[in-house]
Amino acid sequence: MQDLAREEKFGYAARKLKTDGSKVGYDPVPGDICCYAPWGNVCMYYGDHGFESLVRLGSIGTDGIDALASHRGDVTVSFEVVK
């Protein structure tokens, strides 16, 4: 994932995420994991972004925000669904 505007990390999954049938449009808060609907990429927010064409996927929790914000440059991440 790459840093964008010192407020988010973004990157692409192995395949484009589909947002068909999802509510598109969301104002993320720090810790949110979202899909940017027009491109199908994944975004993780650590700063204030504002309303965008996003679908919320989940959250990294408050413990991960500082680590995400303090990491400069690209970062490799993996996601796991927690039920």
Protein backbone atom coordinates (compact mmCIF):
# COMPACT_ATOMS: atom_id res chain seq x y z
CA MET A 1 0.00 0.00 0.00
CA GLN A 2 1.13 3.54 -0.71
CA ASP A 3 0.65 6.67 1.35
CA LEU A 4 -1.71 9.32 0.02
CA ALA A 5 -2.00 12.87 1.34
CA ARG A 6 -0.76 11.86 4.83
CA GLU A 7 -4.25 10.58 5.67
CA GLU A 8 -4.53 7.14 4.10
CA LYS A 9 -2.73 4.13 2.70
CA PHE A 10 -4.15 2.64 -0.49
CA GLY A 11 -3.43 -0.36 -2.63
CA TYR A 12 -4.92 -2.98 -4.87
CA ALA A 13 -6.12 -6.46 -3.98
CA ALA A 14 -5.23 -9.45 -6.15
CA ARG A 15 -8.48 -8.75 -7.99
CA LYS A 16 -10.68 -5.65 -8.18
CA LEU A 17 -13.16 -5.49 -5.33
CA LYS A 18 -16.79 -5.42 -6.47
CA THR A 19 -19.22 -2.98 -4.94
CA ASP A 20 -22.38 -4.06 -6.78
CA GLY A 21 -25.38 -3.70 -4.49
CA SER A 22 -23.41 -1.82 -1.83
CA LYS A 23 -24.22 1.64 -0.52
CA VAL A 24 -21.57 3.85 -2.13
CA GLY A 25 -20.70 7.09 -0.37
CA TYR A 26 -19.06 7.34 3.02
CA ASP A 27 -17.09 9.76 5.20
CA PRO A 28 -14.36 7.59 6.75
CA VAL A 29 -12.96 8.00 10.23
CA PRO A 30 -9.43 7.06 11.27
CA GLY A 31 -9.15 3.28 11.46
CA ASP A 32 -11.64 2.55 8.67
CA ILE A 33 -10.88 0.14 5.87
CA CYS A 34 -12.79 1.01 2.71
CA CYS A 35 -13.08 0.22 -0.97
CA TYR A 36 -12.88 3.16 -3.35
CA ALA A 37 -15.78 2.16 -5.60
CA PRO A 38 -14.67 3.73 -8.91
CA TRP A 39 -11.31 1.90 -8.91
CA GLY A 40 -12.01 -1.09 -6.65
CA ASN A 41 -8.92 -0.47 -4.53
CA VAL A 42 -8.52 -0.76 -0.74
CA CYS A 43 -7.96 2.28 1.49
CA MET A 44 -7.01 2.39 5.17
CA TYR A 45 -7.51 5.76 6.86
CA TYR A 46 -5.45 7.27 9.65
CA GLY A 47 -6.45 10.91 9.11
CA ASP A 48 -9.52 12.97 8.28
CA HIS A 49 -10.49 12.49 4.66
CA GLY A 50 -14.06 13.66 3.99
CA PHE A 51 -16.97 12.17 2.06
CA GLU A 52 -15.98 10.08 -0.95
CA SER A 53 -17.25 7.27 -3.22
CA LEU A 54 -16.35 4.66 -0.61
CA VAL A 55 -17.80 1.42 0.70
CA ARG A 56 -16.81 0.69 4.31
CA LEU A 57 -15.32 -2.80 4.70
CA GLY A 58 -14.27 -2.75 8.35
CA SER A 59 -11.80 -1.28 10.79
CA ILE A 60 -8.22 -1.77 11.93
CA GLY A 61 -9.24 -0.61 15.40
CA THR A 62 -7.75 2.25 17.34
CA ASP A 63 -4.54 0.37 18.18
CA GLY A 64 -3.52 0.24 14.52
CA ILE A 65 -4.03 3.91 13.68
CA ASP A 66 -0.78 5.20 15.20
CA ALA A 67 1.27 2.43 13.59
CA LEU A 68 -0.28 3.15 10.20
CA ALA A 69 0.23 6.91 10.52
CA SER A 70 3.83 6.67 11.67
CA HIS A 71 4.94 4.30 8.90
CA ARG A 72 6.46 6.34 6.08
CA GLY A 73 6.47 4.99 2.55
CA ASP A 74 4.95 1.83 1.14
CA VAL A 75 3.78 -1.02 3.36
CA THR A 76 2.68 -4.59 2.64
CA VAL A 77 -0.50 -5.67 4.41
CA SER A 78 -2.72 -8.72 4.53
CA PHE A 79 -6.35 -8.88 5.62
CA GLU A 80 -8.20 -11.55 7.52
CA VAL A 81 -11.95 -11.68 8.04
CA VAL A 82 -12.84 -11.80 11.74
CA LYS A 83 -16.32 -12.98 12.62
